[in-house]
Amino acid sequence: GESQHNPLFLYGPTGLGKTHLMQAVGNALLQAKPNA
C-alpha cells in the first residue's frame, strides 16, 4: 500500500506471466496473513 508502488501496473504482451506474478503476490499475502 505504500505510494511509490501503489498502484503497481504490470504491462506487456499476452502470455508473459503478468497474471502469474500478480496472483503470486496474493497467494504470498494470504500465506502470511490468512485473514487478509
ModelCIF file with pLDDT and N, C-alpha, C, O atoms, coordinates in Angstrom:
data_MODEL
#
_entry.id   MODEL 
#
_entity.id                         1 
_entity.type                       polymer 
_entity.pdbx_number_of_molecules   1 
#
_entity_poly.entity_id                      1 
_entity_poly.type                           'polypeptide(L)' 
_entity_poly.nstd_linkage                   no 
_entity_poly.nstd_monomer                   no 
_entity_poly.pdbx_seq_one_letter_code       GESQHNPLFLYGPTGLGKTHLMQAVGNALLQAKPNA 
_entity_poly.pdbx_seq_one_letter_code_can   GESQHNPLFLYGPTGLGKTHLMQAVGNALLQAKPNA 
_entity_poly.pdbx_strand_id                 A 
#
loop_
_entity_poly_seq.entity_id 
_entity_poly_seq.num 
_entity_poly_seq.mon_id 
_entity_poly_seq.hetero 
1 1  GLY n 
1 2  GLU n 
1 3  SER n 
1 4  GLN n 
1 5  HIS n 
1 6  ASN n 
1 7  PRO n 
1 8  LEU n 
1 9  PHE n 
1 10 LEU n 
1 11 TYR n 
1 12 GLY n 
1 13 PRO n 
1 14 THR n 
1 15 GLY n 
1 16 LEU n 
1 17 GLY n 
1 18 LYS n 
1 19 THR n 
1 20 HIS n 
1 21 LEU n 
1 22 MET n 
1 23 GLN n 
1 24 ALA n 
1 25 VAL n 
1 26 GLY n 
1 27 ASN n 
1 28 ALA n 
1 29 LEU n 
1 30 LEU n 
1 31 GLN n 
1 32 ALA n 
1 33 LYS n 
1 34 PRO n 
1 35 ASN n 
1 36 ALA n 
#
_struct_asym.id          A 
_struct_asym.entity_id   1 
#
loop_
_ma_qa_metric.id 
_ma_qa_metric.mode 
_ma_qa_metric.name 
_ma_qa_metric.software_group_id 
_ma_qa_metric.type 
1 global pLDDT . pLDDT 
2 local  pLDDT . pLDDT 
#
_ma_qa_metric_global.metric_id      1 
_ma_qa_metric_global.metric_value   87.39 
_ma_qa_metric_global.model_id       1 
_ma_qa_metric_global.ordinal_id     1 
#
loop_
_ma_qa_metric_local.label_asym_id 
_ma_qa_metric_local.label_comp_id 
_ma_qa_metric_local.label_seq_id 
_ma_qa_metric_local.metric_id 
_ma_qa_metric_local.metric_value 
_ma_qa_metric_local.model_id 
_ma_qa_metric_local.ordinal_id 
A GLY 1  2 78.00 1 1  
A GLU 2  2 80.00 1 2  
A SER 3  2 76.00 1 3  
A GLN 4  2 81.00 1 4  
A HIS 5  2 85.00 1 5  
A ASN 6  2 86.00 1 6  
A PRO 7  2 88.00 1 7  
A LEU 8  2 92.00 1 8  
A PHE 9  2 91.00 1 9  
A LEU 10 2 92.00 1 10 
A TYR 11 2 90.00 1 11 
A GLY 12 2 85.00 1 12 
A PRO 13 2 79.00 1 13 
A THR 14 2 80.00 1 14 
A GLY 15 2 81.00 1 15 
A LEU 16 2 86.00 1 16 
A GLY 17 2 87.00 1 17 
A LYS 18 2 90.00 1 18 
A THR 19 2 91.00 1 19 
A HIS 20 2 92.00 1 20 
A LEU 21 2 92.00 1 21 
A MET 22 2 92.00 1 22 
A GLN 23 2 93.00 1 23 
A ALA 24 2 92.00 1 24 
A VAL 25 2 93.00 1 25 
A GLY 26 2 91.00 1 26 
A ASN 27 2 90.00 1 27 
A ALA 28 2 91.00 1 28 
A LEU 29 2 91.00 1 29 
A LEU 30 2 88.00 1 30 
A GLN 31 2 87.00 1 31 
A ALA 32 2 87.00 1 32 
A LYS 33 2 87.00 1 33 
A PRO 34 2 87.00 1 34 
A ASN 35 2 87.00 1 35 
A ALA 36 2 88.00 1 36 
#
loop_
_atom_site.group_PDB 
_atom_site.id 
_atom_site.type_symbol 
_atom_site.label_atom_id 
_atom_site.label_alt_id 
_atom_site.label_comp_id 
_atom_site.label_asym_id 
_atom_site.label_entity_id 
_atom_site.label_seq_id 
_atom_site.pdbx_PDB_ins_code 
_atom_site.Cartn_x 
_atom_site.Cartn_y 
_atom_site.Cartn_z 
_atom_site.occupancy 
_atom_site.B_iso_or_equiv 
_atom_site.pdbx_formal_charge 
_atom_site.auth_seq_id 
_atom_site.auth_comp_id 
_atom_site.auth_asym_id 
_atom_site.auth_atom_id 
_atom_site.pdbx_PDB_model_num 
ATOM 1   N N  . GLY A 1 1  ? 0.781  -1.228  0.000   1.00 78.00 ? 1  GLY A N  1 
ATOM 2   C CA . GLY A 1 1  ? 0.000  0.000   0.000   1.00 78.00 ? 1  GLY A CA 1 
ATOM 3   C C  . GLY A 1 1  ? 0.813  1.278   0.000   1.00 78.00 ? 1  GLY A C  1 
ATOM 4   O O  . GLY A 1 1  ? 0.235  2.364   -0.041  1.00 78.00 ? 1  GLY A O  1 
ATOM 5   N N  . GLU A 1 2  ? 2.155  1.186   0.045   1.00 80.00 ? 2  GLU A N  1 
ATOM 6   C CA . GLU A 1 2  ? 2.957  2.402   0.058   1.00 80.00 ? 2  GLU A CA 1 
ATOM 7   C C  . GLU A 1 2  ? 2.938  3.067   -1.311  1.00 80.00 ? 2  GLU A C  1 
ATOM 8   O O  . GLU A 1 2  ? 2.904  2.391   -2.339  1.00 80.00 ? 2  GLU A O  1 
ATOM 9   N N  . SER A 1 3  ? 2.960  4.389   -1.316  1.00 76.00 ? 3  SER A N  1 
ATOM 10  C CA . SER A 1 3  ? 2.633  5.174   -2.507  1.00 76.00 ? 3  SER A CA 1 
ATOM 11  C C  . SER A 1 3  ? 3.588  4.966   -3.673  1.00 76.00 ? 3  SER A C  1 
ATOM 12  O O  . SER A 1 3  ? 3.174  5.119   -4.821  1.00 76.00 ? 3  SER A O  1 
ATOM 13  N N  . GLN A 1 4  ? 4.872  4.619   -3.423  1.00 81.00 ? 4  GLN A N  1 
ATOM 14  C CA . GLN A 1 4  ? 5.818  4.544   -4.530  1.00 81.00 ? 4  GLN A CA 1 
ATOM 15  C C  . GLN A 1 4  ? 5.519  3.405   -5.500  1.00 81.00 ? 4  GLN A C  1 
ATOM 16  O O  . GLN A 1 4  ? 5.988  3.424   -6.638  1.00 81.00 ? 4  GLN A O  1 
ATOM 17  N N  . HIS A 1 5  ? 4.743  2.415   -5.063  1.00 85.00 ? 5  HIS A N  1 
ATOM 18  C CA . HIS A 1 5  ? 4.356  1.340   -5.978  1.00 85.00 ? 5  HIS A CA 1 
ATOM 19  C C  . HIS A 1 5  ? 2.875  0.985   -5.805  1.00 85.00 ? 5  HIS A C  1 
ATOM 20  O O  . HIS A 1 5  ? 2.488  -0.183  -5.854  1.00 85.00 ? 5  HIS A O  1 
ATOM 21  N N  . ASN A 1 6  ? 2.070  2.014   -5.602  1.00 86.00 ? 6  ASN A N  1 
ATOM 22  C CA . ASN A 1 6  ? 0.630  1.793   -5.498  1.00 86.00 ? 6  ASN A CA 1 
ATOM 23  C C  . ASN A 1 6  ? -0.124 2.856   -6.307  1.00 86.00 ? 6  ASN A C  1 
ATOM 24  O O  . ASN A 1 6  ? -0.151 4.020   -5.907  1.00 86.00 ? 6  ASN A O  1 
ATOM 25  N N  . PRO A 1 7  ? -0.733 2.478   -7.431  1.00 88.00 ? 7  PRO A N  1 
ATOM 26  C CA . PRO A 1 7  ? -0.868 1.088   -7.891  1.00 88.00 ? 7  PRO A CA 1 
ATOM 27  C C  . PRO A 1 7  ? 0.414  0.579   -8.555  1.00 88.00 ? 7  PRO A C  1 
ATOM 28  O O  . PRO A 1 7  ? 1.235  1.357   -9.041  1.00 88.00 ? 7  PRO A O  1 
ATOM 29  N N  . LEU A 1 8  ? 0.561  -0.751  -8.562  1.00 92.00 ? 8  LEU A N  1 
ATOM 30  C CA . LEU A 1 8  ? 1.604  -1.393  -9.356  1.00 92.00 ? 8  LEU A CA 1 
ATOM 31  C C  . LEU A 1 8  ? 0.963  -1.792  -10.678 1.00 92.00 ? 8  LEU A C  1 
ATOM 32  O O  . LEU A 1 8  ? -0.036 -2.510  -10.706 1.00 92.00 ? 8  LEU A O  1 
ATOM 33  N N  . PHE A 1 9  ? 1.546  -1.322  -11.760 1.00 91.00 ? 9  PHE A N  1 
ATOM 34  C CA . PHE A 1 9  ? 0.970  -1.538  -13.094 1.00 91.00 ? 9  PHE A CA 1 
ATOM 35  C C  . PHE A 1 9  ? 1.956  -2.397  -13.901 1.00 91.00 ? 9  PHE A C  1 
ATOM 36  O O  . PHE A 1 9  ? 3.036  -1.931  -14.266 1.00 91.00 ? 9  PHE A O  1 
ATOM 37  N N  . LEU A 1 10 ? 1.577  -3.652  -14.175 1.00 92.00 ? 10 LEU A N  1 
ATOM 38  C CA . LEU A 1 10 ? 2.397  -4.563  -14.976 1.00 92.00 ? 10 LEU A CA 1 
ATOM 39  C C  . LEU A 1 10 ? 1.879  -4.558  -16.406 1.00 92.00 ? 10 LEU A C  1 
ATOM 40  O O  . LEU A 1 10 ? 0.690  -4.781  -16.635 1.00 92.00 ? 10 LEU A O  1 
ATOM 41  N N  . TYR A 1 11 ? 2.755  -4.306  -17.367 1.00 90.00 ? 11 TYR A N  1 
ATOM 42  C CA . TYR A 1 11 ? 2.295  -4.242  -18.756 1.00 90.00 ? 11 TYR A CA 1 
ATOM 43  C C  . TYR A 1 11 ? 3.223  -5.036  -19.672 1.00 90.00 ? 11 TYR A C  1 
ATOM 44  O O  . TYR A 1 11 ? 4.401  -5.240  -19.377 1.00 90.00 ? 11 TYR A O  1 
ATOM 45  N N  . GLY A 1 12 ? 2.657  -5.470  -20.780 1.00 85.00 ? 12 GLY A N  1 
ATOM 46  C CA . GLY A 1 12 ? 3.417  -6.232  -21.769 1.00 85.00 ? 12 GLY A CA 1 
ATOM 47  C C  . GLY A 1 12 ? 2.492  -7.138  -22.549 1.00 85.00 ? 12 GLY A C  1 
ATOM 48  O O  . GLY A 1 12 ? 1.325  -7.288  -22.187 1.00 85.00 ? 12 GLY A O  1 
ATOM 49  N N  . PRO A 1 13 ? 2.994  -7.752  -23.624 1.00 79.00 ? 13 PRO A N  1 
ATOM 50  C CA . PRO A 1 13 ? 2.163  -8.625  -24.454 1.00 79.00 ? 13 PRO A CA 1 
ATOM 51  C C  . PRO A 1 13 ? 1.586  -9.790  -23.658 1.00 79.00 ? 13 PRO A C  1 
ATOM 52  O O  . PRO A 1 13 ? 2.056  -10.103 -22.564 1.00 79.00 ? 13 PRO A O  1 
ATOM 53  N N  . THR A 1 14 ? 0.575  -10.419 -24.213 1.00 80.00 ? 14 THR A N  1 
ATOM 54  C CA . THR A 1 14 ? -0.097 -11.527 -23.535 1.00 80.00 ? 14 THR A CA 1 
ATOM 55  C C  . THR A 1 14 ? 0.817  -12.734 -23.398 1.00 80.00 ? 14 THR A C  1 
ATOM 56  O O  . THR A 1 14 ? 1.707  -12.964 -24.217 1.00 80.00 ? 14 THR A O  1 
ATOM 57  N N  . GLY A 1 15 ? 0.568  -13.507 -22.330 1.00 81.00 ? 15 GLY A N  1 
ATOM 58  C CA . GLY A 1 15 ? 1.262  -14.774 -22.167 1.00 81.00 ? 15 GLY A CA 1 
ATOM 59  C C  . GLY A 1 15 ? 2.663  -14.702 -21.617 1.00 81.00 ? 15 GLY A C  1 
ATOM 60  O O  . GLY A 1 15 ? 3.438  -15.639 -21.806 1.00 81.00 ? 15 GLY A O  1 
ATOM 61  N N  . LEU A 1 16 ? 3.026  -13.607 -20.930 1.00 86.00 ? 16 LEU A N  1 
ATOM 62  C CA . LEU A 1 16 ? 4.402  -13.463 -20.432 1.00 86.00 ? 16 LEU A CA 1 
ATOM 63  C C  . LEU A 1 16 ? 4.511  -13.619 -18.921 1.00 86.00 ? 16 LEU A C  1 
ATOM 64  O O  . LEU A 1 16 ? 5.605  -13.484 -18.373 1.00 86.00 ? 16 LEU A O  1 
ATOM 65  N N  . GLY A 1 17 ? 3.407  -13.899 -18.235 1.00 87.00 ? 17 GLY A N  1 
ATOM 66  C CA . GLY A 1 17 ? 3.476  -14.146 -16.801 1.00 87.00 ? 17 GLY A CA 1 
ATOM 67  C C  . GLY A 1 17 ? 2.986  -13.032 -15.911 1.00 87.00 ? 17 GLY A C  1 
ATOM 68  O O  . GLY A 1 17 ? 3.215  -13.072 -14.703 1.00 87.00 ? 17 GLY A O  1 
ATOM 69  N N  . LYS A 1 18 ? 2.313  -12.033 -16.470 1.00 90.00 ? 18 LYS A N  1 
ATOM 70  C CA . LYS A 1 18 ? 1.817  -10.925 -15.642 1.00 90.00 ? 18 LYS A CA 1 
ATOM 71  C C  . LYS A 1 18 ? 0.782  -11.433 -14.627 1.00 90.00 ? 18 LYS A C  1 
ATOM 72  O O  . LYS A 1 18 ? 0.822  -11.059 -13.455 1.00 90.00 ? 18 LYS A O  1 
ATOM 73  N N  . THR A 1 19 ? -0.135 -12.277 -15.080 1.00 91.00 ? 19 THR A N  1 
ATOM 74  C CA . THR A 1 19 ? -1.153 -12.824 -14.184 1.00 91.00 ? 19 THR A CA 1 
ATOM 75  C C  . THR A 1 19 ? -0.506 -13.691 -13.110 1.00 91.00 ? 19 THR A C  1 
ATOM 76  O O  . THR A 1 19 ? -0.905 -13.637 -11.946 1.00 91.00 ? 19 THR A O  1 
ATOM 77  N N  . HIS A 1 20 ? 0.480  -14.483 -13.488 1.00 92.00 ? 20 HIS A N  1 
ATOM 78  C CA . HIS A 1 20 ? 1.189  -15.322 -12.522 1.00 92.00 ? 20 HIS A CA 1 
ATOM 79  C C  . HIS A 1 20 ? 1.791  -14.447 -11.425 1.00 92.00 ? 20 HIS A C  1 
ATOM 80  O O  . HIS A 1 20 ? 1.639  -14.743 -10.240 1.00 92.00 ? 20 HIS A O  1 
ATOM 81  N N  . LEU A 1 21 ? 2.472  -13.377 -11.816 1.00 92.00 ? 21 LEU A N  1 
ATOM 82  C CA . LEU A 1 21 ? 3.128  -12.521 -10.828 1.00 92.00 ? 21 LEU A CA 1 
ATOM 83  C C  . LEU A 1 21 ? 2.126  -11.838 -9.897  1.00 92.00 ? 21 LEU A C  1 
ATOM 84  O O  . LEU A 1 21 ? 2.322  -11.822 -8.682  1.00 92.00 ? 21 LEU A O  1 
ATOM 85  N N  . MET A 1 22 ? 1.062  -11.277 -10.456 1.00 92.00 ? 22 MET A N  1 
ATOM 86  C CA . MET A 1 22 ? 0.110  -10.563 -9.596  1.00 92.00 ? 22 MET A CA 1 
ATOM 87  C C  . MET A 1 22 ? -0.568 -11.530 -8.627  1.00 92.00 ? 22 MET A C  1 
ATOM 88  O O  . MET A 1 22 ? -0.808 -11.185 -7.470  1.00 92.00 ? 22 MET A O  1 
ATOM 89  N N  . GLN A 1 23 ? -0.881 -12.751 -9.102  1.00 93.00 ? 23 GLN A N  1 
ATOM 90  C CA . GLN A 1 23 ? -1.508 -13.715 -8.205  1.00 93.00 ? 23 GLN A CA 1 
ATOM 91  C C  . GLN A 1 23 ? -0.507 -14.272 -7.192  1.00 93.00 ? 23 GLN A C  1 
ATOM 92  O O  . GLN A 1 23 ? -0.892 -14.673 -6.094  1.00 93.00 ? 23 GLN A O  1 
ATOM 93  N N  . ALA A 1 24 ? 0.778  -14.297 -7.558  1.00 92.00 ? 24 ALA A N  1 
ATOM 94  C CA . ALA A 1 24 ? 1.802  -14.722 -6.603  1.00 92.00 ? 24 ALA A CA 1 
ATOM 95  C C  . ALA A 1 24 ? 1.818  -13.796 -5.394  1.00 92.00 ? 24 ALA A C  1 
ATOM 96  O O  . ALA A 1 24 ? 2.018  -14.249 -4.267  1.00 92.00 ? 24 ALA A O  1 
ATOM 97  N N  . VAL A 1 25 ? 1.608  -12.496 -5.623  1.00 93.00 ? 25 VAL A N  1 
ATOM 98  C CA . VAL A 1 25 ? 1.520  -11.541 -4.510  1.00 93.00 ? 25 VAL A CA 1 
ATOM 99  C C  . VAL A 1 25 ? 0.343  -11.898 -3.617  1.00 93.00 ? 25 VAL A C  1 
ATOM 100 O O  . VAL A 1 25 ? 0.466  -11.927 -2.393  1.00 93.00 ? 25 VAL A O  1 
ATOM 101 N N  . GLY A 1 26 ? -0.807 -12.171 -4.243  1.00 91.00 ? 26 GLY A N  1 
ATOM 102 C CA . GLY A 1 26 ? -1.991 -12.534 -3.464  1.00 91.00 ? 26 GLY A CA 1 
ATOM 103 C C  . GLY A 1 26 ? -1.800 -13.816 -2.671  1.00 91.00 ? 26 GLY A C  1 
ATOM 104 O O  . GLY A 1 26 ? -2.156 -13.880 -1.495  1.00 91.00 ? 26 GLY A O  1 
ATOM 105 N N  . ASN A 1 27 ? -1.238 -14.837 -3.309  1.00 90.00 ? 27 ASN A N  1 
ATOM 106 C CA . ASN A 1 27 ? -1.006 -16.104 -2.613  1.00 90.00 ? 27 ASN A CA 1 
ATOM 107 C C  . ASN A 1 27 ? -0.028 -15.938 -1.451  1.00 90.00 ? 27 ASN A C  1 
ATOM 108 O O  . ASN A 1 27 ? -0.233 -16.499 -0.375  1.00 90.00 ? 27 ASN A O  1 
ATOM 109 N N  . ALA A 1 28 ? 1.041  -15.161 -1.676  1.00 91.00 ? 28 ALA A N  1 
ATOM 110 C CA . ALA A 1 28 ? 2.029  -14.950 -0.619  1.00 91.00 ? 28 ALA A CA 1 
ATOM 111 C C  . ALA A 1 28 ? 1.435  -14.164 0.553   1.00 91.00 ? 28 ALA A C  1 
ATOM 112 O O  . ALA A 1 28 ? 1.723  -14.455 1.713   1.00 91.00 ? 28 ALA A O  1 
ATOM 113 N N  . LEU A 1 29 ? 0.603  -13.166 0.239   1.00 91.00 ? 29 LEU A N  1 
ATOM 114 C CA . LEU A 1 29 ? -0.020 -12.374 1.298   1.00 91.00 ? 29 LEU A CA 1 
ATOM 115 C C  . LEU A 1 29 ? -0.942 -13.246 2.148   1.00 91.00 ? 29 LEU A C  1 
ATOM 116 O O  . LEU A 1 29 ? -0.942 -13.147 3.375   1.00 91.00 ? 29 LEU A O  1 
ATOM 117 N N  . LEU A 1 30 ? -1.728 -14.100 1.488   1.00 88.00 ? 30 LEU A N  1 
ATOM 118 C CA . LEU A 1 30 ? -2.651 -14.953 2.233   1.00 88.00 ? 30 LEU A CA 1 
ATOM 119 C C  . LEU A 1 30 ? -1.914 -16.037 3.016   1.00 88.00 ? 30 LEU A C  1 
ATOM 120 O O  . LEU A 1 30 ? -2.403 -16.504 4.045   1.00 88.00 ? 30 LEU A O  1 
ATOM 121 N N  . GLN A 1 31 ? -0.759 -16.430 2.536   1.00 87.00 ? 31 GLN A N  1 
ATOM 122 C CA . GLN A 1 31 ? 0.038  -17.391 3.299   1.00 87.00 ? 31 GLN A CA 1 
ATOM 123 C C  . GLN A 1 31 ? 0.548  -16.747 4.585   1.00 87.00 ? 31 GLN A C  1 
ATOM 124 O O  . GLN A 1 31 ? 0.565  -17.376 5.643   1.00 87.00 ? 31 GLN A O  1 
ATOM 125 N N  . ALA A 1 32 ? 0.962  -15.486 4.479   1.00 87.00 ? 32 ALA A N  1 
ATOM 126 C CA . ALA A 1 32 ? 1.481  -14.775 5.653   1.00 87.00 ? 32 ALA A CA 1 
ATOM 127 C C  . ALA A 1 32 ? 0.352  -14.282 6.560   1.00 87.00 ? 32 ALA A C  1 
ATOM 128 O O  . ALA A 1 32 ? 0.476  -14.294 7.785   1.00 87.00 ? 32 ALA A O  1 
ATOM 129 N N  . LYS A 1 33 ? -0.762 -13.844 5.936   1.00 87.00 ? 33 LYS A N  1 
ATOM 130 C CA . LYS A 1 33 ? -1.897 -13.299 6.698   1.00 87.00 ? 33 LYS A CA 1 
ATOM 131 C C  . LYS A 1 33 ? -3.187 -13.922 6.180   1.00 87.00 ? 33 LYS A C  1 
ATOM 132 O O  . LYS A 1 33 ? -3.830 -13.351 5.299   1.00 87.00 ? 33 LYS A O  1 
ATOM 133 N N  . PRO A 1 34 ? -3.579 -15.079 6.705   1.00 87.00 ? 34 PRO A N  1 
ATOM 134 C CA . PRO A 1 34 ? -4.760 -15.799 6.192   1.00 87.00 ? 34 PRO A CA 1 
ATOM 135 C C  . PRO A 1 34 ? -6.050 -14.994 6.227   1.00 87.00 ? 34 PRO A C  1 
ATOM 136 O O  . PRO A 1 34 ? -6.977 -15.297 5.475   1.00 87.00 ? 34 PRO A O  1 
ATOM 137 N N  . ASN A 1 35 ? -6.136 -13.978 7.079   1.00 87.00 ? 35 ASN A N  1 
ATOM 138 C CA . ASN A 1 35 ? -7.364 -13.193 7.172   1.00 87.00 ? 35 ASN A CA 1 
ATOM 139 C C  . ASN A 1 35 ? -7.383 -11.987 6.228   1.00 87.00 ? 35 ASN A C  1 
ATOM 140 O O  . ASN A 1 35 ? -8.353 -11.229 6.213   1.00 87.00 ? 35 ASN A O  1 
ATOM 141 N N  . ALA A 1 36 ? -6.334 -11.808 5.453   1.00 88.00 ? 36 ALA A N  1 
ATOM 142 C CA . ALA A 1 36 ? -6.304 -10.682 4.511   1.00 88.00 ? 36 ALA A CA 1 
ATOM 143 C C  . ALA A 1 36 ? -7.425 -10.825 3.493   1.00 88.00 ? 36 ALA A C  1 
ATOM 144 O O  . ALA A 1 36 ? -7.570 -9.977  2.612   1.00 88.00 ? 36 ALA A O  1 
#
